[in-house]
């Protein structure tokens, strides 16, 4: 009895040349950071009060923005993947807009909507609610730039999974909410997990929209990327150390996105 084996199509040899160049182009600048610091001073540089405070704020706001991305992004991805509305193309374009906008433009847009003189800001200010230049503003800026990452990942997973199992469950009498909870979401869990981690990583590295909408107030809005930017002009060694710390956290987070079965 013959054992069937999966045959793999080989790649043209020339493909490896630009692939290696691409890898070097990405890795070399990051690796070069390690040559710009005195490693004996590294523990002291990253253990300063300002560094720990900024890292704690970054992790806290990134977790909050990722939670918001889940609460808003899952329903949005379901609508984009399963709805038959003729307006889906326009909606998808608007959802993906933060991916192509400069982050500082996103910050200006958030100010125009929620700043003290913004579209909704004046009414919020009348109620005693001030969003701009607060920790809440950091979370909103991070959510604005991160939401598309979760939506794109989950929508792709939903389209790949199809609707056949949902249809079977519905035909057996399951309510729509039950189908969503017990069939749809479990099927796309890897895509949802990848989108969640990517959204968290994007929030962790957000700078432009944050500094524009929330400012750089120590202990309130100064996340790790903002601290790095401030340090580069006054303490280059500390800026490099903070950059390496952020790179290490980002690598740890992105490593969680590794596909199942990858070696």
C-alpha atoms as a PDB file:
ATOM      1  CA  UNK A   1       0.000   0.000   0.000  1.00  0.00           C
ATOM      2  CA  UNK A   2       1.498   3.312  -1.048  1.00  0.00           C
ATOM      3  CA  UNK A   3       1.756   6.160   1.389  1.00  0.00           C
ATOM      4  CA  UNK A   4       0.700   9.454  -0.118  1.00  0.00           C
ATOM      5  CA  UNK A   5       3.150  12.282   0.363  1.00  0.00           C
ATOM      6  CA  UNK A   6       2.639  15.969  -0.114  1.00  0.00           C
ATOM      7  CA  UNK A   7       4.928  17.326  -2.780  1.00  0.00           C
ATOM      8  CA  UNK A   8       6.276  20.818  -2.365  1.00  0.00           C
ATOM      9  CA  UNK A   9       7.017  23.013  -5.334  1.00  0.00           C
ATOM     10  CA  UNK A  10      10.541  24.401  -5.096  1.00  0.00           C
ATOM     11  CA  UNK A  11      11.238  28.111  -5.265  1.00  0.00           C
ATOM     12  CA  UNK A  12      13.363  29.666  -8.015  1.00  0.00           C
ATOM     13  CA  UNK A  13      16.856  30.265  -6.650  1.00  0.00           C
ATOM     14  CA  UNK A  14      16.807  33.945  -7.551  1.00  0.00           C
ATOM     15  CA  UNK A  15      13.953  34.521  -5.093  1.00  0.00           C
ATOM     16  CA  UNK A  16      16.321  34.026  -2.175  1.00  0.00           C
ATOM     17  CA  UNK A  17      18.482  37.020  -3.157  1.00  0.00           C
ATOM     18  CA  UNK A  18      15.818  39.745  -2.682  1.00  0.00           C
ATOM     19  CA  UNK A  19      14.413  37.776   0.261  1.00  0.00           C
ATOM     20  CA  UNK A  20      17.777  37.936   2.047  1.00  0.00           C
ATOM     21  CA  UNK A  21      18.158  41.616   1.157  1.00  0.00           C
ATOM     22  CA  UNK A  22      14.696  42.327   2.595  1.00  0.00           C
ATOM     23  CA  UNK A  23      15.552  40.495   5.797  1.00  0.00           C
ATOM     24  CA  UNK A  24      18.847  42.374   6.153  1.00  0.00           C
ATOM     25  CA  UNK A  25      17.127  45.684   5.454  1.00  0.00           C
ATOM     26  CA  UNK A  26      14.707  45.084   8.338  1.00  0.00           C
ATOM     27  CA  UNK A  27      17.021  43.370  10.825  1.00  0.00           C
ATOM     28  CA  UNK A  28      20.221  45.405  10.396  1.00  0.00           C
ATOM     29  CA  UNK A  29      18.927  48.751  11.746  1.00  0.00           C
ATOM     30  CA  UNK A  30      17.331  47.054  14.741  1.00  0.00           C
ATOM     31  CA  UNK A  31      20.424  44.961  15.454  1.00  0.00           C
ATOM     32  CA  UNK A  32      22.572  48.079  15.166  1.00  0.00           C
ATOM     33  CA  UNK A  33      20.918  49.438  18.294  1.00  0.00           C
ATOM     34  CA  UNK A  34      22.803  46.839  20.294  1.00  0.00           C
ATOM     35  CA  UNK A  35      26.128  48.342  19.172  1.00  0.00           C
ATOM     36  CA  UNK A  36      25.227  51.840  20.388  1.00  0.00           C
ATOM     37  CA  UNK A  37      24.960  51.132  24.082  1.00  0.00           C
ATOM     38  CA  UNK A  38      27.241  50.222  26.981  1.00  0.00           C
ATOM     39  CA  UNK A  39      25.629  47.020  28.184  1.00  0.00           C
ATOM     40  CA  UNK A  40      26.899  47.392  31.730  1.00  0.00           C
ATOM     41  CA  UNK A  41      24.746  50.529  32.016  1.00  0.00           C
ATOM     42  CA  UNK A  42      21.668  48.947  30.415  1.00  0.00           C
ATOM     43  CA  UNK A  43      19.976  47.708  33.631  1.00  0.00           C
ATOM     44  CA  UNK A  44      20.249  51.132  35.268  1.00  0.00           C
ATOM     45  CA  UNK A  45      18.984  52.940  32.177  1.00  0.00           C
ATOM     46  CA  UNK A  46      15.812  50.871  31.841  1.00  0.00           C
ATOM     47  CA  UNK A  47      15.155  50.757  35.589  1.00  0.00           C
ATOM     48  CA  UNK A  48      14.752  54.507  36.022  1.00  0.00           C
ATOM     49  CA  UNK A  49      11.492  55.768  37.481  1.00  0.00           C
ATOM     50  CA  UNK A  50      10.576  57.542  34.223  1.00  0.00           C
ATOM     51  CA  UNK A  51      11.212  54.394  32.163  1.00  0.00           C
ATOM     52  CA  UNK A  52       9.220  52.089  34.409  1.00  0.00           C
ATOM     53  CA  UNK A  53       6.373  54.593  34.609  1.00  0.00           C
ATOM     54  CA  UNK A  54       6.267  54.965  30.816  1.00  0.00           C
ATOM     55  CA  UNK A  55       6.413  51.185  30.284  1.00  0.00           C
ATOM     56  CA  UNK A  56       3.634  50.607  32.802  1.00  0.00           C
ATOM     57  CA  UNK A  57       1.483  53.265  31.144  1.00  0.00           C
ATOM     58  CA  UNK A  58       2.152  51.785  27.699  1.00  0.00           C
ATOM     59  CA  UNK A  59       1.169  48.282  28.788  1.00  0.00           C
ATOM     60  CA  UNK A  60      -1.927  49.543  30.595  1.00  0.00           C
ATOM     61  CA  UNK A  61      -3.213  51.717  27.763  1.00  0.00           C
ATOM     62  CA  UNK A  62      -2.348  49.113  25.119  1.00  0.00           C
ATOM     63  CA  UNK A  63      -4.335  46.504  27.037  1.00  0.00           C
ATOM     64  CA  UNK A  64      -7.295  48.890  27.314  1.00  0.00           C
ATOM     65  CA  UNK A  65      -7.182  49.831  23.630  1.00  0.00           C
ATOM     66  CA  UNK A  66      -6.927  46.166  22.619  1.00  0.00           C
ATOM     67  CA  UNK A  67     -10.004  45.405  24.709  1.00  0.00           C
ATOM     68  CA  UNK A  68     -11.829  48.226  22.908  1.00  0.00           C
ATOM     69  CA  UNK A  69     -10.654  46.832  19.568  1.00  0.00           C
ATOM     70  CA  UNK A  70     -12.178  43.468  20.487  1.00  0.00           C
ATOM     71  CA  UNK A  71     -15.480  44.968  21.611  1.00  0.00           C
ATOM     72  CA  UNK A  72     -15.816  47.074  18.472  1.00  0.00           C
ATOM     73  CA  UNK A  73     -13.803  45.096  15.949  1.00  0.00           C
ATOM     74  CA  UNK A  74     -15.478  41.690  16.245  1.00  0.00           C
ATOM     75  CA  UNK A  75     -18.968  43.011  15.340  1.00  0.00           C
ATOM     76  CA  UNK A  76     -17.464  45.190  12.594  1.00  0.00           C
ATOM     77  CA  UNK A  77     -15.551  42.287  11.046  1.00  0.00           C
ATOM     78  CA  UNK A  78     -18.722  40.139  11.157  1.00  0.00           C
ATOM     79  CA  UNK A  79     -20.669  42.818   9.314  1.00  0.00           C
ATOM     80  CA  UNK A  80     -17.944  43.211   6.674  1.00  0.00           C
ATOM     81  CA  UNK A  81     -17.600  39.457   6.154  1.00  0.00           C
ATOM     82  CA  UNK A  82     -21.236  38.364   6.263  1.00  0.00           C
ATOM     83  CA  UNK A  83     -23.452  41.326   5.387  1.00  0.00           C
ATOM     84  CA  UNK A  84     -24.790  41.762   1.848  1.00  0.00           C
ATOM     85  CA  UNK A  85     -25.170  45.538   2.002  1.00  0.00           C
ATOM     86  CA  UNK A  86     -24.098  47.502  -1.069  1.00  0.00           C
ATOM     87  CA  UNK A  87     -22.348  49.992   1.214  1.00  0.00           C
ATOM     88  CA  UNK A  88     -19.780  47.454   2.411  1.00  0.00           C
ATOM     89  CA  UNK A  89     -17.100  48.700   0.007  1.00  0.00           C
ATOM     90  CA  UNK A  90     -17.346  52.220   1.376  1.00  0.00           C
ATOM     91  CA  UNK A  91     -17.466  50.982   4.970  1.00  0.00           C
ATOM     92  CA  UNK A  92     -14.375  48.811   4.436  1.00  0.00           C
ATOM     93  CA  UNK A  93     -12.498  51.756   2.931  1.00  0.00           C
ATOM     94  CA  UNK A  94     -13.329  53.926   5.934  1.00  0.00           C
ATOM     95  CA  UNK A  95     -12.308  51.189   8.382  1.00  0.00           C
ATOM     96  CA  UNK A  96      -8.953  50.731   6.647  1.00  0.00           C
ATOM     97  CA  UNK A  97      -8.287  54.471   6.434  1.00  0.00           C
ATOM     98  CA  UNK A  98      -6.104  54.605   9.595  1.00  0.00           C
ATOM     99  CA  UNK A  99      -3.740  52.100   7.933  1.00  0.00           C
ATOM    100  CA  UNK A 100      -2.784  54.618   5.241  1.00  0.00           C
ATOM    101  CA  UNK A 101      -3.208  57.923   7.079  1.00  0.00           C
ATOM    102  CA  UNK A 102      -0.149  59.435   8.775  1.00  0.00           C
ATOM    103  CA  UNK A 103      -0.720  58.903  12.522  1.00  0.00           C
ATOM    104  CA  UNK A 104      -0.442  62.635  13.175  1.00  0.00           C
ATOM    105  CA  UNK A 105      -3.430  63.165  10.858  1.00  0.00           C
ATOM    106  CA  UNK A 106      -5.346  60.657  12.961  1.00  0.00           C
ATOM    107  CA  UNK A 107      -4.450  62.697  16.052  1.00  0.00           C
ATOM    108  CA  UNK A 108      -5.661  65.909  14.428  1.00  0.00           C
ATOM    109  CA  UNK A 109      -8.892  64.162  13.407  1.00  0.00           C
ATOM    110  CA  UNK A 110      -9.439  62.994  16.985  1.00  0.00           C
ATOM    111  CA  UNK A 111      -8.842  66.539  18.217  1.00  0.00           C
ATOM    112  CA  UNK A 112     -11.368  67.833  15.681  1.00  0.00           C
ATOM    113  CA  UNK A 113     -13.940  65.410  17.057  1.00  0.00           C
ATOM    114  CA  UNK A 114     -13.165  65.221  20.787  1.00  0.00           C
ATOM    115  CA  UNK A 115     -10.972  68.233  21.559  1.00  0.00           C
ATOM    116  CA  UNK A 116     -12.352  71.043  23.712  1.00  0.00           C
ATOM    117  CA  UNK A 117     -13.371  72.934  20.568  1.00  0.00           C
ATOM    118  CA  UNK A 118     -14.135  69.819  18.550  1.00  0.00           C
ATOM    119  CA  UNK A 119     -17.367  68.538  17.079  1.00  0.00           C
ATOM    120  CA  UNK A 120     -18.327  66.671  20.264  1.00  0.00           C
ATOM    121  CA  UNK A 121     -15.770  68.210  22.600  1.00  0.00           C
ATOM    122  CA  UNK A 122     -17.768  71.342  23.433  1.00  0.00           C
ATOM    123  CA  UNK A 123     -20.763  69.289  24.534  1.00  0.00           C
ATOM    124  CA  UNK A 124     -18.545  66.939  26.523  1.00  0.00           C
ATOM    125  CA  UNK A 125     -16.832  69.932  28.124  1.00  0.00           C
ATOM    126  CA  UNK A 126     -20.240  71.281  29.138  1.00  0.00           C
ATOM    127  CA  UNK A 127     -20.811  67.982  30.946  1.00  0.00           C
ATOM    128  CA  UNK A 128     -17.438  68.287  32.665  1.00  0.00           C
ATOM    129  CA  UNK A 129     -15.795  65.605  30.522  1.00  0.00           C
ATOM    130  CA  UNK A 130     -12.408  66.437  29.021  1.00  0.00           C
ATOM    131  CA  UNK A 131     -10.836  63.774  26.830  1.00  0.00           C
ATOM    132  CA  UNK A 132      -7.945  65.411  24.995  1.00  0.00           C
ATOM    133  CA  UNK A 133      -4.555  65.334  26.744  1.00  0.00           C
ATOM    134  CA  UNK A 134      -5.621  62.637  29.178  1.00  0.00           C
ATOM    135  CA  UNK A 135      -4.957  58.931  29.589  1.00  0.00           C
ATOM    136  CA  UNK A 136      -8.310  58.257  27.934  1.00  0.00           C
ATOM    137  CA  UNK A 137      -7.033  60.168  24.903  1.00  0.00           C
ATOM    138  CA  UNK A 138      -4.054  57.806  24.731  1.00  0.00           C
ATOM    139  CA  UNK A 139      -6.384  54.796  24.683  1.00  0.00           C
ATOM    140  CA  UNK A 140      -8.567  56.380  21.996  1.00  0.00           C
ATOM    141  CA  UNK A 141      -5.567  57.245  19.808  1.00  0.00           C
ATOM    142  CA  UNK A 142      -4.216  53.717  20.117  1.00  0.00           C
ATOM    143  CA  UNK A 143      -7.617  52.227  19.345  1.00  0.00           C
ATOM    144  CA  UNK A 144      -8.005  54.439  16.273  1.00  0.00           C
ATOM    145  CA  UNK A 145      -4.774  53.197  14.685  1.00  0.00           C
ATOM    146  CA  UNK A 146      -5.029  49.568  15.896  1.00  0.00           C
ATOM    147  CA  UNK A 147      -8.640  48.676  15.125  1.00  0.00           C
ATOM    148  CA  UNK A 148      -8.036  47.997  11.399  1.00  0.00           C
ATOM    149  CA  UNK A 149      -5.422  45.348  12.213  1.00  0.00           C
ATOM    150  CA  UNK A 150      -7.907  43.279  14.181  1.00  0.00           C
ATOM    151  CA  UNK A 151     -10.730  43.822  11.684  1.00  0.00           C
ATOM    152  CA  UNK A 152      -8.620  42.830   8.661  1.00  0.00           C
ATOM    153  CA  UNK A 153      -7.317  39.667  10.354  1.00  0.00           C
ATOM    154  CA  UNK A 154     -10.730  38.564  11.589  1.00  0.00           C
ATOM    155  CA  UNK A 155     -12.582  39.395   8.371  1.00  0.00           C
ATOM    156  CA  UNK A 156     -10.075  37.332   6.396  1.00  0.00           C
ATOM    157  CA  UNK A 157     -10.513  34.402   8.777  1.00  0.00           C
ATOM    158  CA  UNK A 158     -14.302  34.655   8.547  1.00  0.00           C
ATOM    159  CA  UNK A 159     -14.244  34.638   4.747  1.00  0.00           C
ATOM    160  CA  UNK A 160     -11.872  31.650   4.715  1.00  0.00           C
ATOM    161  CA  UNK A 161     -14.045  29.688   7.152  1.00  0.00           C
ATOM    162  CA  UNK A 162     -17.183  30.312   5.109  1.00  0.00           C
ATOM    163  CA  UNK A 163     -20.737  29.898   6.364  1.00  0.00           C
ATOM    164  CA  UNK A 164     -21.456  26.199   5.844  1.00  0.00           C
ATOM    165  CA  UNK A 165     -21.110  25.237   9.526  1.00  0.00           C
ATOM    166  CA  UNK A 166     -23.160  28.274  10.566  1.00  0.00           C
ATOM    167  CA  UNK A 167     -25.912  27.194   8.167  1.00  0.00           C
ATOM    168  CA  UNK A 168     -25.897  23.641   9.551  1.00  0.00           C
ATOM    169  CA  UNK A 169     -26.132  24.912  13.138  1.00  0.00           C
ATOM    170  CA  UNK A 170     -28.964  27.274  12.224  1.00  0.00           C
ATOM    171  CA  UNK A 171     -30.836  24.504  10.418  1.00  0.00           C
ATOM    172  CA  UNK A 172     -30.658  22.449  13.611  1.00  0.00           C
ATOM    173  CA  UNK A 173     -32.439  25.223  15.491  1.00  0.00           C
ATOM    174  CA  UNK A 174     -29.569  27.217  17.003  1.00  0.00           C
ATOM    175  CA  UNK A 175     -30.280  30.903  17.529  1.00  0.00           C
ATOM    176  CA  UNK A 176     -28.024  33.434  15.748  1.00  0.00           C
ATOM    177  CA  UNK A 177     -26.248  34.383  18.982  1.00  0.00           C
ATOM    178  CA  UNK A 178     -25.669  30.704  19.779  1.00  0.00           C
ATOM    179  CA  UNK A 179     -24.267  30.104  16.297  1.00  0.00           C
ATOM    180  CA  UNK A 180     -21.922  33.048  16.710  1.00  0.00           C
ATOM    181  CA  UNK A 181     -20.748  31.981  20.154  1.00  0.00           C
ATOM    182  CA  UNK A 182     -20.441  28.222  19.653  1.00  0.00           C
ATOM    183  CA  UNK A 183     -19.660  27.869  15.944  1.00  0.00           C
ATOM    184  CA  UNK A 184     -18.441  31.010  14.209  1.00  0.00           C
ATOM    185  CA  UNK A 185     -15.997  32.406  16.742  1.00  0.00           C
ATOM    186  CA  UNK A 186     -14.381  29.061  17.661  1.00  0.00           C
ATOM    187  CA  UNK A 187     -13.723  28.412  13.954  1.00  0.00           C
ATOM    188  CA  UNK A 188     -11.912  31.718  13.489  1.00  0.00           C
ATOM    189  CA  UNK A 189     -10.122  31.746  16.842  1.00  0.00           C
ATOM    190  CA  UNK A 190      -6.585  31.667  15.313  1.00  0.00           C
ATOM    191  CA  UNK A 191      -7.396  34.699  13.154  1.00  0.00           C
ATOM    192  CA  UNK A 192      -8.962  36.475  16.117  1.00  0.00           C
ATOM    193  CA  UNK A 193      -5.905  35.748  18.263  1.00  0.00           C
ATOM    194  CA  UNK A 194      -3.541  37.018  15.563  1.00  0.00           C
ATOM    195  CA  UNK A 195      -5.560  40.191  15.105  1.00  0.00           C
ATOM    196  CA  UNK A 196      -5.643  40.771  18.850  1.00  0.00           C
ATOM    197  CA  UNK A 197      -1.871  40.454  19.216  1.00  0.00           C
ATOM    198  CA  UNK A 198      -1.248  42.679  16.197  1.00  0.00           C
ATOM    199  CA  UNK A 199      -3.604  45.317  17.608  1.00  0.00           C
ATOM    200  CA  UNK A 200      -1.784  45.197  20.948  1.00  0.00           C
ATOM    201  CA  UNK A 201       1.611  45.497  19.254  1.00  0.00           C
ATOM    202  CA  UNK A 202       0.441  48.446  17.152  1.00  0.00           C
ATOM    203  CA  UNK A 203      -0.944  50.171  20.237  1.00  0.00           C
ATOM    204  CA  UNK A 204       2.304  49.609  22.093  1.00  0.00           C
ATOM    205  CA  UNK A 205       4.310  51.370  19.384  1.00  0.00           C
ATOM    206  CA  UNK A 206       1.876  54.204  18.651  1.00  0.00           C
ATOM    207  CA  UNK A 207       3.424  57.687  18.665  1.00  0.00           C
ATOM    208  CA  UNK A 208       2.015  60.214  16.167  1.00  0.00           C
ATOM    209  CA  UNK A 209      -1.681  60.154  17.015  1.00  0.00           C
ATOM    210  CA  UNK A 210      -0.894  59.932  20.727  1.00  0.00           C
ATOM    211  CA  UNK A 211       1.428  62.939  20.908  1.00  0.00           C
ATOM    212  CA  UNK A 212      -1.021  65.007  18.831  1.00  0.00           C
ATOM    213  CA  UNK A 213      -4.221  64.098  20.666  1.00  0.00           C
ATOM    214  CA  UNK A 214      -2.917  63.312  24.155  1.00  0.00           C
ATOM    215  CA  UNK A 215       0.361  65.227  24.422  1.00  0.00           C
ATOM    216  CA  UNK A 216       3.365  64.048  26.419  1.00  0.00           C
ATOM    217  CA  UNK A 217       2.503  64.531  30.084  1.00  0.00           C
ATOM    218  CA  UNK A 218       4.657  62.510  32.465  1.00  0.00           C
ATOM    219  CA  UNK A 219       2.668  59.887  34.321  1.00  0.00           C
ATOM    220  CA  UNK A 220      -0.497  60.665  32.352  1.00  0.00           C
ATOM    221  CA  UNK A 221       0.102  60.368  28.607  1.00  0.00           C
ATOM    222  CA  UNK A 222       3.855  59.831  28.177  1.00  0.00           C
ATOM    223  CA  UNK A 223       4.031  56.280  26.881  1.00  0.00           C
ATOM    224  CA  UNK A 224       7.328  54.537  26.116  1.00  0.00           C
ATOM    225  CA  UNK A 225       7.554  55.738  22.466  1.00  0.00           C
ATOM    226  CA  UNK A 226       7.027  59.333  23.631  1.00  0.00           C
ATOM    227  CA  UNK A 227       9.676  58.946  26.332  1.00  0.00           C
ATOM    228  CA  UNK A 228      12.137  57.645  23.732  1.00  0.00           C
ATOM    229  CA  UNK A 229      11.472  60.652  21.517  1.00  0.00           C
ATOM    230  CA  UNK A 230      12.040  63.059  24.410  1.00  0.00           C
ATOM    231  CA  UNK A 231      15.229  61.308  25.524  1.00  0.00           C
ATOM    232  CA  UNK A 232      16.898  61.312  22.116  1.00  0.00           C
ATOM    233  CA  UNK A 233      17.709  65.016  22.447  1.00  0.00           C
ATOM    234  CA  UNK A 234      18.995  64.957  26.039  1.00  0.00           C
ATOM    235  CA  UNK A 235      20.304  61.433  26.705  1.00  0.00           C
ATOM    236  CA  UNK A 236      21.100  59.369  23.619  1.00  0.00           C
ATOM    237  CA  UNK A 237      22.217  56.324  25.639  1.00  0.00           C
ATOM    238  CA  UNK A 238      18.937  56.237  27.550  1.00  0.00           C
ATOM    239  CA  UNK A 239      16.988  56.629  24.303  1.00  0.00           C
ATOM    240  CA  UNK A 240      18.804  53.640  22.784  1.00  0.00           C
ATOM    241  CA  UNK A 241      18.224  51.575  25.938  1.00  0.00           C
ATOM    242  CA  UNK A 242      14.507  52.396  25.908  1.00  0.00           C
ATOM    243  CA  UNK A 243      14.374  51.550  22.205  1.00  0.00           C
ATOM    244  CA  UNK A 244      15.922  48.148  22.875  1.00  0.00           C
ATOM    245  CA  UNK A 245      13.423  47.569  25.664  1.00  0.00           C
ATOM    246  CA  UNK A 246      10.540  48.387  23.331  1.00  0.00           C
ATOM    247  CA  UNK A 247      12.015  46.136  20.626  1.00  0.00           C
ATOM    248  CA  UNK A 248      12.287  43.265  23.124  1.00  0.00           C
ATOM    249  CA  UNK A 249       8.658  43.665  24.224  1.00  0.00           C
ATOM    250  CA  UNK A 250       7.504  43.933  20.604  1.00  0.00           C
ATOM    251  CA  UNK A 251       9.397  40.770  19.598  1.00  0.00           C
ATOM    252  CA  UNK A 252       7.843  38.925  22.515  1.00  0.00           C
ATOM    253  CA  UNK A 253       4.360  40.082  21.512  1.00  0.00           C
ATOM    254  CA  UNK A 254       4.798  39.436  17.776  1.00  0.00           C
ATOM    255  CA  UNK A 255       6.138  35.965  18.562  1.00  0.00           C
ATOM    256  CA  UNK A 256       2.663  35.094  19.795  1.00  0.00           C
ATOM    257  CA  UNK A 257       1.342  35.534  16.242  1.00  0.00           C
ATOM    258  CA  UNK A 258       3.462  32.642  14.908  1.00  0.00           C
ATOM    259  CA  UNK A 259       1.190  30.316  12.927  1.00  0.00           C
ATOM    260  CA  UNK A 260       0.358  26.951  14.423  1.00  0.00           C
ATOM    261  CA  UNK A 261       2.692  24.258  13.278  1.00  0.00           C
ATOM    262  CA  UNK A 262       5.537  26.686  12.556  1.00  0.00           C
ATOM    263  CA  UNK A 263       8.861  25.442  13.748  1.00  0.00           C
END
